[in-house]
Amino acid sequence: MALNDFFSMGGYGAYVWSSYGICAVVLLLNVIQPIIRERRTIRELQKRFSLAKENKSDKHS
């Protein structure tokens, strides 16, 4: 069995390898998106907290 035969998979290689590629992209997105969303949420909460802290100090002045 040659390496070329393995990758062509009897004529179905394009379908098989593209499905593996799509699956890998989806799995990667399932890991990356929550990380990005968490960082964005943390930044937003930090901004809100700092604004609330500034407003609170302004009221006491």
C-alpha atoms as a PDB file:
ATOM      1  CA  MET A   1       0.000   0.000   0.000  1.00  0.00           C
ATOM      2  CA  ALA A   2       1.513   3.261  -1.134  1.00  0.00           C
ATOM      3  CA  LEU A   3       1.160   6.524   0.751  1.00  0.00           C
ATOM      4  CA  ASN A   4      -0.687   8.027  -2.217  1.00  0.00           C
ATOM      5  CA  ASP A   5      -3.270   5.203  -2.009  1.00  0.00           C
ATOM      6  CA  PHE A   6      -3.761   5.934   1.671  1.00  0.00           C
ATOM      7  CA  PHE A   7      -4.450   9.621   1.040  1.00  0.00           C
ATOM      8  CA  SER A   8      -6.714   9.001  -1.968  1.00  0.00           C
ATOM      9  CA  MET A   9      -8.741   6.389  -0.023  1.00  0.00           C
ATOM     10  CA  GLY A  10     -10.137   4.727  -3.093  1.00  0.00           C
ATOM     11  CA  GLY A  11     -11.348   7.988  -4.614  1.00  0.00           C
ATOM     12  CA  TYR A  12     -13.012   9.265  -1.450  1.00  0.00           C
ATOM     13  CA  GLY A  13      -9.947  11.006   0.000  1.00  0.00           C
ATOM     14  CA  ALA A  14     -11.177  14.512  -0.785  1.00  0.00           C
ATOM     15  CA  TYR A  15     -14.377  13.908   1.171  1.00  0.00           C
ATOM     16  CA  VAL A  16     -12.672  12.139   4.062  1.00  0.00           C
ATOM     17  CA  TRP A  17      -9.822  14.632   4.502  1.00  0.00           C
ATOM     18  CA  SER A  18     -12.084  17.647   4.107  1.00  0.00           C
ATOM     19  CA  SER A  19     -14.401  16.246   6.780  1.00  0.00           C
ATOM     20  CA  TYR A  20     -11.403  15.747   9.077  1.00  0.00           C
ATOM     21  CA  GLY A  21     -10.345  19.331   8.372  1.00  0.00           C
ATOM     22  CA  ILE A  22     -13.796  20.746   9.082  1.00  0.00           C
ATOM     23  CA  CYS A  23     -14.002  18.715  12.279  1.00  0.00           C
ATOM     24  CA  ALA A  24     -10.597  20.008  13.409  1.00  0.00           C
ATOM     25  CA  VAL A  25     -11.646  23.621  12.723  1.00  0.00           C
ATOM     26  CA  VAL A  26     -14.890  23.195  14.678  1.00  0.00           C
ATOM     27  CA  LEU A  27     -13.074  21.607  17.622  1.00  0.00           C
ATOM     28  CA  LEU A  28     -10.507  24.399  17.592  1.00  0.00           C
ATOM     29  CA  LEU A  29     -13.256  27.030  17.565  1.00  0.00           C
ATOM     30  CA  ASN A  30     -14.941  25.262  20.483  1.00  0.00           C
ATOM     31  CA  VAL A  31     -11.750  25.811  22.463  1.00  0.00           C
ATOM     32  CA  ILE A  32     -10.850  29.320  21.282  1.00  0.00           C
ATOM     33  CA  GLN A  33     -14.253  31.052  21.392  1.00  0.00           C
ATOM     34  CA  PRO A  34     -14.906  30.588  25.126  1.00  0.00           C
ATOM     35  CA  ILE A  35     -11.404  31.843  25.936  1.00  0.00           C
ATOM     36  CA  ILE A  36     -11.948  34.978  23.851  1.00  0.00           C
ATOM     37  CA  ARG A  37     -15.408  35.494  25.333  1.00  0.00           C
ATOM     38  CA  GLU A  38     -14.059  35.104  28.877  1.00  0.00           C
ATOM     39  CA  ARG A  39     -11.295  37.661  28.290  1.00  0.00           C
ATOM     40  CA  ARG A  40     -13.792  40.107  26.794  1.00  0.00           C
ATOM     41  CA  THR A  41     -16.160  39.645  29.729  1.00  0.00           C
ATOM     42  CA  ILE A  42     -13.371  40.153  32.263  1.00  0.00           C
ATOM     43  CA  ARG A  43     -12.249  43.375  30.526  1.00  0.00           C
ATOM     44  CA  GLU A  44     -15.827  44.647  30.457  1.00  0.00           C
ATOM     45  CA  LEU A  45     -16.336  43.863  34.139  1.00  0.00           C
ATOM     46  CA  GLN A  46     -13.059  45.568  35.031  1.00  0.00           C
ATOM     47  CA  LYS A  47     -14.178  48.686  33.154  1.00  0.00           C
ATOM     48  CA  ARG A  48     -17.549  48.642  34.898  1.00  0.00           C
ATOM     49  CA  PHE A  49     -15.905  48.157  38.273  1.00  0.00           C
ATOM     50  CA  SER A  50     -13.468  51.011  37.730  1.00  0.00           C
ATOM     51  CA  LEU A  51     -16.288  53.306  36.564  1.00  0.00           C
ATOM     52  CA  ALA A  52     -18.389  52.375  39.567  1.00  0.00           C
ATOM     53  CA  LYS A  53     -15.408  53.008  41.824  1.00  0.00           C
ATOM     54  CA  GLU A  54     -14.820  56.435  40.234  1.00  0.00           C
ATOM     55  CA  ASN A  55     -18.497  57.354  40.570  1.00  0.00           C
ATOM     56  CA  LYS A  56     -18.476  56.297  44.190  1.00  0.00           C
ATOM     57  CA  SER A  57     -15.398  58.429  44.944  1.00  0.00           C
ATOM     58  CA  ASP A  58     -16.933  61.405  43.090  1.00  0.00           C
ATOM     59  CA  LYS A  59     -20.054  61.265  45.257  1.00  0.00           C
ATOM     60  CA  HIS A  60     -17.977  61.372  48.443  1.00  0.00           C
ATOM     61  CA  SER A  61     -16.016  64.440  47.305  1.00  0.00           C
END
